[in-house]
Amino acid sequence: MEQRAAVVGHITGVVRSAAQGDHRNSYIATDFPQSDDATTRAVVNAYLAWAGPADDAVMLVLYTAPGTVMGAVELASWRNP
C-alpha cells in the first residue's frame, strides 16, 4: 500500500502492448524528472498491486517525465522473489 501512495499522481500513462503469444509488455510514463532505484521499485510494486496476479505482462518499461527510460523490469523475478 505504501508503494501505491508513493506514486499516486505521478503516473501519467500506462500502455500495454498487443499480445505477443501468451504475454504482453506494459509501458508506464511518469512525471518523475529522473530515475532512482527507490522510485523504480515503488512504481513496479504499485503496478503489480494494481494489475494483480492474473496480469500477463512479462516486461515493464518505465519512463521519466523527459521520456528517458527509468528502467526495464522482467516481472517474473518480482512476482516470485
PDB file of N, CA and C in Angstrom:
ATOM      1  N   MET A   1       0.819  -1.185   0.000  1.00  0.00           N
ATOM      2  CA  MET A   1       0.000   0.000   0.000  1.00  0.00           C
ATOM      3  C   MET A   1       0.869   1.257   0.000  1.00  0.00           C
ATOM      4  N   GLU A   2       2.016   1.222   0.699  1.00  0.00           N
ATOM      5  CA  GLU A   2       2.913   2.379   0.719  1.00  0.00           C
ATOM      6  C   GLU A   2       3.422   2.715  -0.677  1.00  0.00           C
ATOM      7  N   GLN A   3       3.733   1.665  -1.475  1.00  0.00           N
ATOM      8  CA  GLN A   3       4.235   1.907  -2.819  1.00  0.00           C
ATOM      9  C   GLN A   3       3.202   2.654  -3.642  1.00  0.00           C
ATOM     10  N   ARG A   4       1.941   2.244  -3.530  1.00  0.00           N
ATOM     11  CA  ARG A   4       0.900   2.922  -4.293  1.00  0.00           C
ATOM     12  C   ARG A   4       0.797   4.375  -3.881  1.00  0.00           C
ATOM     13  N   ALA A   5       0.831   4.635  -2.584  1.00  0.00           N
ATOM     14  CA  ALA A   5       0.729   6.008  -2.095  1.00  0.00           C
ATOM     15  C   ALA A   5       1.894   6.852  -2.600  1.00  0.00           C
ATOM     16  N   ALA A   6       3.071   6.237  -2.733  1.00  0.00           N
ATOM     17  CA  ALA A   6       4.262   6.973  -3.173  1.00  0.00           C
ATOM     18  C   ALA A   6       4.188   7.381  -4.645  1.00  0.00           C
ATOM     19  N   VAL A   7       3.395   6.689  -5.436  1.00  0.00           N
ATOM     20  CA  VAL A   7       3.354   7.010  -6.868  1.00  0.00           C
ATOM     21  C   VAL A   7       2.028   7.615  -7.315  1.00  0.00           C
ATOM     22  N   VAL A   8       1.043   7.677  -6.424  1.00  0.00           N
ATOM     23  CA  VAL A   8      -0.239   8.280  -6.787  1.00  0.00           C
ATOM     24  C   VAL A   8       0.001   9.695  -7.294  1.00  0.00           C
ATOM     25  N   GLY A   9      -0.561   9.995  -8.431  1.00  0.00           N
ATOM     26  CA  GLY A   9      -0.402  11.321  -9.021  1.00  0.00           C
ATOM     27  C   GLY A   9       0.844  11.473  -9.875  1.00  0.00           C
ATOM     28  N   HIS A  10       1.729  10.479  -9.851  1.00  0.00           N
ATOM     29  CA  HIS A  10       2.961  10.563 -10.642  1.00  0.00           C
ATOM     30  C   HIS A  10       2.921   9.731 -11.911  1.00  0.00           C
ATOM     31  N   ILE A  11       1.927   8.859 -12.049  1.00  0.00           N
ATOM     32  CA  ILE A  11       1.798   8.045 -13.251  1.00  0.00           C
ATOM     33  C   ILE A  11       0.989   8.843 -14.260  1.00  0.00           C
ATOM     34  N   THR A  12       1.561   9.096 -15.424  1.00  0.00           N
ATOM     35  CA  THR A  12       0.871   9.909 -16.432  1.00  0.00           C
ATOM     36  C   THR A  12       0.297   9.072 -17.561  1.00  0.00           C
ATOM     37  N   GLY A  13       0.669   7.796 -17.623  1.00  0.00           N
ATOM     38  CA  GLY A  13       0.105   6.932 -18.647  1.00  0.00           C
ATOM     39  C   GLY A  13       0.569   5.498 -18.487  1.00  0.00           C
ATOM     40  N   VAL A  14      -0.316   4.571 -18.863  1.00  0.00           N
ATOM     41  CA  VAL A  14       0.016   3.152 -18.888  1.00  0.00           C
ATOM     42  C   VAL A  14      -0.463   2.623 -20.229  1.00  0.00           C
ATOM     43  N   VAL A  15       0.439   1.993 -20.962  1.00  0.00           N
ATOM     44  CA  VAL A  15       0.107   1.414 -22.259  1.00  0.00           C
ATOM     45  C   VAL A  15       0.548  -0.033 -22.238  1.00  0.00           C
ATOM     46  N   ARG A  16      -0.315  -0.896 -22.749  1.00  0.00           N
ATOM     47  CA  ARG A  16       0.023  -2.315 -22.835  1.00  0.00           C
ATOM     48  C   ARG A  16       0.198  -2.663 -24.310  1.00  0.00           C
ATOM     49  N   SER A  17       1.214  -3.453 -24.600  1.00  0.00           N
ATOM     50  CA  SER A  17       1.453  -3.851 -25.984  1.00  0.00           C
ATOM     51  C   SER A  17       0.385  -4.840 -26.431  1.00  0.00           C
ATOM     52  N   ALA A  18       0.337  -5.054 -27.724  1.00  0.00           N
ATOM     53  CA  ALA A  18      -0.514  -6.114 -28.250  1.00  0.00           C
ATOM     54  C   ALA A  18       0.025  -7.444 -27.735  1.00  0.00           C
ATOM     55  N   ALA A  19      -0.843  -8.410 -27.652  1.00  0.00           N
ATOM     56  CA  ALA A  19      -0.416  -9.730 -27.184  1.00  0.00           C
ATOM     57  C   ALA A  19       0.697 -10.271 -28.066  1.00  0.00           C
ATOM     58  N   GLN A  20       1.696 -10.835 -27.424  1.00  0.00           N
ATOM     59  CA  GLN A  20       2.832 -11.457 -28.107  1.00  0.00           C
ATOM     60  C   GLN A  20       2.837 -12.915 -27.683  1.00  0.00           C
ATOM     61  N   GLY A  21       2.011 -13.707 -28.335  1.00  0.00           N
ATOM     62  CA  GLY A  21       1.818 -15.081 -27.886  1.00  0.00           C
ATOM     63  C   GLY A  21       0.942 -15.057 -26.650  1.00  0.00           C
ATOM     64  N   ASP A  22       1.456 -15.568 -25.538  1.00  0.00           N
ATOM     65  CA  ASP A  22       0.665 -15.627 -24.310  1.00  0.00           C
ATOM     66  C   ASP A  22       1.022 -14.525 -23.315  1.00  0.00           C
ATOM     67  N   HIS A  23       1.702 -13.485 -23.785  1.00  0.00           N
ATOM     68  CA  HIS A  23       2.075 -12.404 -22.879  1.00  0.00           C
ATOM     69  C   HIS A  23       2.081 -11.071 -23.617  1.00  0.00           C
ATOM     70  N   ARG A  24       2.354 -10.028 -22.876  1.00  0.00           N
ATOM     71  CA  ARG A  24       2.489  -8.683 -23.435  1.00  0.00           C
ATOM     72  C   ARG A  24       3.428  -7.881 -22.538  1.00  0.00           C
ATOM     73  N   ASN A  25       3.787  -6.693 -22.966  1.00  0.00           N
ATOM     74  CA  ASN A  25       4.606  -5.788 -22.166  1.00  0.00           C
ATOM     75  C   ASN A  25       3.754  -4.600 -21.751  1.00  0.00           C
ATOM     76  N   SER A  26       4.140  -3.964 -20.671  1.00  0.00           N
ATOM     77  CA  SER A  26       3.463  -2.751 -20.224  1.00  0.00           C
ATOM     78  C   SER A  26       4.484  -1.627 -20.136  1.00  0.00           C
ATOM     79  N   TYR A  27       4.041  -0.434 -20.487  1.00  0.00           N
ATOM     80  CA  TYR A  27       4.893   0.753 -20.508  1.00  0.00           C
ATOM     81  C   TYR A  27       4.236   1.805 -19.636  1.00  0.00           C
ATOM     82  N   ILE A  28       5.010   2.377 -18.712  1.00  0.00           N
ATOM     83  CA  ILE A  28       4.464   3.339 -17.766  1.00  0.00           C
ATOM     84  C   ILE A  28       5.233   4.655 -17.881  1.00  0.00           C
ATOM     85  N   ALA A  29       4.492   5.726 -18.115  1.00  0.00           N
ATOM     86  CA  ALA A  29       5.068   7.069 -18.147  1.00  0.00           C
ATOM     87  C   ALA A  29       4.816   7.727 -16.792  1.00  0.00           C
ATOM     88  N   THR A  30       5.825   8.431 -16.294  1.00  0.00           N
ATOM     89  CA  THR A  30       5.707   9.118 -15.004  1.00  0.00           C
ATOM     90  C   THR A  30       6.075  10.588 -15.164  1.00  0.00           C
ATOM     91  N   ASP A  31       5.825  11.348 -14.117  1.00  0.00           N
ATOM     92  CA  ASP A  31       6.269  12.743 -14.118  1.00  0.00           C
ATOM     93  C   ASP A  31       7.534  12.931 -13.287  1.00  0.00           C
ATOM     94  N   PHE A  32       8.181  11.825 -12.905  1.00  0.00           N
ATOM     95  CA  PHE A  32       9.438  11.934 -12.172  1.00  0.00           C
ATOM     96  C   PHE A  32      10.517  12.471 -13.107  1.00  0.00           C
ATOM     97  N   PRO A  33      11.311  13.459 -12.663  1.00  0.00           N
ATOM     98  CA  PRO A  33      12.312  14.072 -13.539  1.00  0.00           C
ATOM     99  C   PRO A  33      13.500  13.167 -13.845  1.00  0.00           C
ATOM    100  N   GLN A  34      13.810  12.249 -12.963  1.00  0.00           N
ATOM    101  CA  GLN A  34      14.947  11.347 -13.175  1.00  0.00           C
ATOM    102  C   GLN A  34      14.678  10.037 -12.457  1.00  0.00           C
ATOM    103  N   SER A  35      15.463   9.046 -12.802  1.00  0.00           N
ATOM    104  CA  SER A  35      15.240   7.739 -12.186  1.00  0.00           C
ATOM    105  C   SER A  35      16.128   7.548 -10.966  1.00  0.00           C
ATOM    106  N   ASP A  36      15.637   6.753 -10.055  1.00  0.00           N
ATOM    107  CA  ASP A  36      16.443   6.255  -8.949  1.00  0.00           C
ATOM    108  C   ASP A  36      15.851   4.912  -8.556  1.00  0.00           C
ATOM    109  N   ASP A  37      16.625   4.117  -7.877  1.00  0.00           N
ATOM    110  CA  ASP A  37      16.232   2.755  -7.560  1.00  0.00           C
ATOM    111  C   ASP A  37      14.956   2.701  -6.718  1.00  0.00           C
ATOM    112  N   ALA A  38      14.852   3.554  -5.737  1.00  0.00           N
ATOM    113  CA  ALA A  38      13.685   3.534  -4.847  1.00  0.00           C
ATOM    114  C   ALA A  38      12.402   3.861  -5.607  1.00  0.00           C
ATOM    115  N   THR A  39      12.471   4.827  -6.507  1.00  0.00           N
ATOM    116  CA  THR A  39      11.298   5.203  -7.297  1.00  0.00           C
ATOM    117  C   THR A  39      10.907   4.074  -8.239  1.00  0.00           C
ATOM    118  N   THR A  40      11.895   3.475  -8.888  1.00  0.00           N
ATOM    119  CA  THR A  40      11.619   2.359  -9.789  1.00  0.00           C
ATOM    120  C   THR A  40      10.932   1.227  -9.032  1.00  0.00           C
ATOM    121  N   ARG A  41      11.439   0.894  -7.862  1.00  0.00           N
ATOM    122  CA  ARG A  41      10.831  -0.172  -7.048  1.00  0.00           C
ATOM    123  C   ARG A  41       9.397   0.178  -6.663  1.00  0.00           C
ATOM    124  N   ALA A  42       9.177   1.418  -6.279  1.00  0.00           N
ATOM    125  CA  ALA A  42       7.831   1.836  -5.872  1.00  0.00           C
ATOM    126  C   ALA A  42       6.851   1.732  -7.035  1.00  0.00           C
ATOM    127  N   VAL A  43       7.262   2.149  -8.215  1.00  0.00           N
ATOM    128  CA  VAL A  43       6.372   2.087  -9.385  1.00  0.00           C
ATOM    129  C   VAL A  43       6.084   0.630  -9.755  1.00  0.00           C
ATOM    130  N   VAL A  44       7.100  -0.217  -9.772  1.00  0.00           N
ATOM    131  CA  VAL A  44       6.899  -1.633 -10.107  1.00  0.00           C
ATOM    132  C   VAL A  44       5.970  -2.291  -9.090  1.00  0.00           C
ATOM    133  N   ASN A  45       6.201  -2.076  -7.818  1.00  0.00           N
ATOM    134  CA  ASN A  45       5.342  -2.675  -6.791  1.00  0.00           C
ATOM    135  C   ASN A  45       3.908  -2.162  -6.880  1.00  0.00           C
ATOM    136  N   ALA A  46       3.741  -0.880  -7.162  1.00  0.00           N
ATOM    137  CA  ALA A  46       2.393  -0.331  -7.319  1.00  0.00           C
ATOM    138  C   ALA A  46       1.717  -0.938  -8.546  1.00  0.00           C
ATOM    139  N   TYR A  47       2.456  -1.115  -9.636  1.00  0.00           N
ATOM    140  CA  TYR A  47       1.893  -1.739 -10.839  1.00  0.00           C
ATOM    141  C   TYR A  47       1.432  -3.163 -10.537  1.00  0.00           C
ATOM    142  N   LEU A  48       2.277  -3.932  -9.871  1.00  0.00           N
ATOM    143  CA  LEU A  48       1.926  -5.319  -9.552  1.00  0.00           C
ATOM    144  C   LEU A  48       0.699  -5.387  -8.645  1.00  0.00           C
ATOM    145  N   ALA A  49       0.589  -4.476  -7.688  1.00  0.00           N
ATOM    146  CA  ALA A  49      -0.580  -4.444  -6.808  1.00  0.00           C
ATOM    147  C   ALA A  49      -1.830  -4.077  -7.597  1.00  0.00           C
ATOM    148  N   TRP A  50      -1.697  -3.147  -8.528  1.00  0.00           N
ATOM    149  CA  TRP A  50      -2.826  -2.713  -9.346  1.00  0.00           C
ATOM    150  C   TRP A  50      -3.239  -3.796 -10.336  1.00  0.00           C
ATOM    151  N   ALA A  51      -2.259  -4.411 -11.015  1.00  0.00           N
ATOM    152  CA  ALA A  51      -2.550  -5.361 -12.090  1.00  0.00           C
ATOM    153  C   ALA A  51      -3.049  -6.697 -11.568  1.00  0.00           C
ATOM    154  N   GLY A  52      -2.561  -7.111 -10.419  1.00  0.00           N
ATOM    155  CA  GLY A  52      -2.984  -8.375  -9.850  1.00  0.00           C
ATOM    156  C   GLY A  52      -2.252  -9.574 -10.422  1.00  0.00           C
ATOM    157  N   PRO A  53      -2.468 -10.733  -9.833  1.00  0.00           N
ATOM    158  CA  PRO A  53      -1.715 -11.933 -10.213  1.00  0.00           C
ATOM    159  C   PRO A  53      -2.056 -12.470 -11.597  1.00  0.00           C
ATOM    160  N   ALA A  54      -3.202 -12.126 -12.163  1.00  0.00           N
ATOM    161  CA  ALA A  54      -3.579 -12.644 -13.476  1.00  0.00           C
ATOM    162  C   ALA A  54      -2.977 -11.834 -14.624  1.00  0.00           C
ATOM    163  N   ASP A  55      -2.277 -10.751 -14.319  1.00  0.00           N
ATOM    164  CA  ASP A  55      -1.692  -9.909 -15.364  1.00  0.00           C
ATOM    165  C   ASP A  55      -0.700 -10.711 -16.195  1.00  0.00           C
ATOM    166  N   ASP A  56      -0.743 -10.528 -17.515  1.00  0.00           N
ATOM    167  CA  ASP A  56       0.118 -11.305 -18.407  1.00  0.00           C
ATOM    168  C   ASP A  56       1.338 -10.530 -18.904  1.00  0.00           C
ATOM    169  N   ALA A  57       1.600  -9.376 -18.314  1.00  0.00           N
ATOM    170  CA  ALA A  57       2.796  -8.621 -18.722  1.00  0.00           C
ATOM    171  C   ALA A  57       4.052  -9.341 -18.227  1.00  0.00           C
ATOM    172  N   VAL A  58       5.051  -9.427 -19.094  1.00  0.00           N
ATOM    173  CA  VAL A  58       6.318 -10.031 -18.680  1.00  0.00           C
ATOM    174  C   VAL A  58       7.408  -8.986 -18.517  1.00  0.00           C
ATOM    175  N   MET A  59       7.269  -7.860 -19.185  1.00  0.00           N
ATOM    176  CA  MET A  59       8.261  -6.792 -19.103  1.00  0.00           C
ATOM    177  C   MET A  59       7.532  -5.489 -18.817  1.00  0.00           C
ATOM    178  N   LEU A  60       8.090  -4.732 -17.901  1.00  0.00           N
ATOM    179  CA  LEU A  60       7.556  -3.427 -17.559  1.00  0.00           C
ATOM    180  C   LEU A  60       8.653  -2.409 -17.848  1.00  0.00           C
ATOM    181  N   VAL A  61       8.334  -1.428 -18.673  1.00  0.00           N
ATOM    182  CA  VAL A  61       9.302  -0.385 -19.019  1.00  0.00           C
ATOM    183  C   VAL A  61       8.776   0.927 -18.459  1.00  0.00           C
ATOM    184  N   LEU A  62       9.615   1.604 -17.673  1.00  0.00           N
ATOM    185  CA  LEU A  62       9.231   2.846 -17.008  1.00  0.00           C
ATOM    186  C   LEU A  62       9.957   4.023 -17.645  1.00  0.00           C
ATOM    187  N   TYR A  63       9.249   5.141 -17.778  1.00  0.00           N
ATOM    188  CA  TYR A  63       9.812   6.340 -18.383  1.00  0.00           C
ATOM    189  C   TYR A  63       9.723   7.523 -17.435  1.00  0.00           C
ATOM    190  N   THR A  64      10.735   8.391 -17.479  1.00  0.00           N
ATOM    191  CA  THR A  64      10.736   9.630 -16.716  1.00  0.00           C
ATOM    192  C   THR A  64       9.942  10.686 -17.485  1.00  0.00           C
ATOM    193  N   ALA A  65       9.712  11.844 -16.851  1.00  0.00           N
ATOM    194  CA  ALA A  65       8.982  12.937 -17.495  1.00  0.00           C
ATOM    195  C   ALA A  65       9.623  13.369 -18.813  1.00  0.00           C
ATOM    196  N   PRO A  66      10.971  13.463 -18.886  1.00  0.00           N
ATOM    197  CA  PRO A  66      11.579  13.851 -20.158  1.00  0.00           C
ATOM    198  C   PRO A  66      11.525  12.751 -21.230  1.00  0.00           C
ATOM    199  N   GLY A  67      11.017  11.554 -20.869  1.00  0.00           N
ATOM    200  CA  GLY A  67      10.881  10.483 -21.839  1.00  0.00           C
ATOM    201  C   GLY A  67      12.037   9.506 -21.894  1.00  0.00           C
ATOM    202  N   THR A  68      12.969   9.618 -20.960  1.00  0.00           N
ATOM    203  CA  THR A  68      14.067   8.654 -20.938  1.00  0.00           C
ATOM    204  C   THR A  68      13.635   7.416 -20.153  1.00  0.00           C
ATOM    205  N   VAL A  69      14.248   6.299 -20.471  1.00  0.00           N
ATOM    206  CA  VAL A  69      13.902   5.056 -19.788  1.00  0.00           C
ATOM    207  C   VAL A  69      14.406   5.112 -18.348  1.00  0.00           C
ATOM    208  N   MET A  70      13.477   4.933 -17.424  1.00  0.00           N
ATOM    209  CA  MET A  70      13.797   4.907 -15.998  1.00  0.00           C
ATOM    210  C   MET A  70      14.292   3.516 -15.623  1.00  0.00           C
ATOM    211  N   GLY A  71      13.726   2.519 -16.266  1.00  0.00           N
ATOM    212  CA  GLY A  71      14.115   1.148 -16.008  1.00  0.00           C
ATOM    213  C   GLY A  71      13.247   0.185 -16.787  1.00  0.00           C
ATOM    214  N   ALA A  72      13.777  -0.977 -17.038  1.00  0.00           N
ATOM    215  CA  ALA A  72      13.029  -2.061 -17.663  1.00  0.00           C
ATOM    216  C   ALA A  72      13.149  -3.252 -16.728  1.00  0.00           C
ATOM    217  N   VAL A  73      12.017  -3.815 -16.376  1.00  0.00           N
ATOM    218  CA  VAL A  73      11.987  -4.851 -15.350  1.00  0.00           C
ATOM    219  C   VAL A  73      11.301  -6.096 -15.893  1.00  0.00           C
ATOM    220  N   GLU A  74      11.973  -7.229 -15.753  1.00  0.00           N
ATOM    221  CA  GLU A  74      11.376  -8.518 -16.092  1.00  0.00           C
ATOM    222  C   GLU A  74      10.555  -8.913 -14.875  1.00  0.00           C
ATOM    223  N   LEU A  75       9.243  -8.991 -15.041  1.00  0.00           N
ATOM    224  CA  LEU A  75       8.343  -9.094 -13.894  1.00  0.00           C
ATOM    225  C   LEU A  75       8.350 -10.448 -13.180  1.00  0.00           C
ATOM    226  N   ALA A  76       8.767 -11.508 -13.816  1.00  0.00           N
ATOM    227  CA  ALA A  76       8.750 -12.813 -13.148  1.00  0.00           C
ATOM    228  C   ALA A  76       9.581 -12.796 -11.874  1.00  0.00           C
ATOM    229  N   SER A  77      10.701 -12.095 -11.903  1.00  0.00           N
ATOM    230  CA  SER A  77      11.557 -12.050 -10.719  1.00  0.00           C
ATOM    231  C   SER A  77      10.912 -11.232  -9.591  1.00  0.00           C
ATOM    232  N   TRP A  78      10.012 -10.335  -9.919  1.00  0.00           N
ATOM    233  CA  TRP A  78       9.310  -9.546  -8.901  1.00  0.00           C
ATOM    234  C   TRP A  78       8.118 -10.288  -8.353  1.00  0.00           C
ATOM    235  N   ARG A  79       7.496 -11.116  -9.197  1.00  0.00           N
ATOM    236  CA  ARG A  79       6.320 -11.870  -8.755  1.00  0.00           C
ATOM    237  C   ARG A  79       6.706 -13.047  -7.880  1.00  0.00           C
ATOM    238  N   ASN A  80       7.866 -13.634  -8.153  1.00  0.00           N
ATOM    239  CA  ASN A  80       8.330 -14.818  -7.427  1.00  0.00           C
ATOM    240  C   ASN A  80       9.756 -14.599  -6.941  1.00  0.00           C
ATOM    241  N   PRO A  81       9.924 -13.766  -5.916  1.00  0.00           N
ATOM    242  CA  PRO A  81      11.300 -13.452  -5.466  1.00  0.00           C
ATOM    243  C   PRO A  81      12.018 -14.647  -4.880  1.00  0.00           C
TER     244      PRO A  81
END
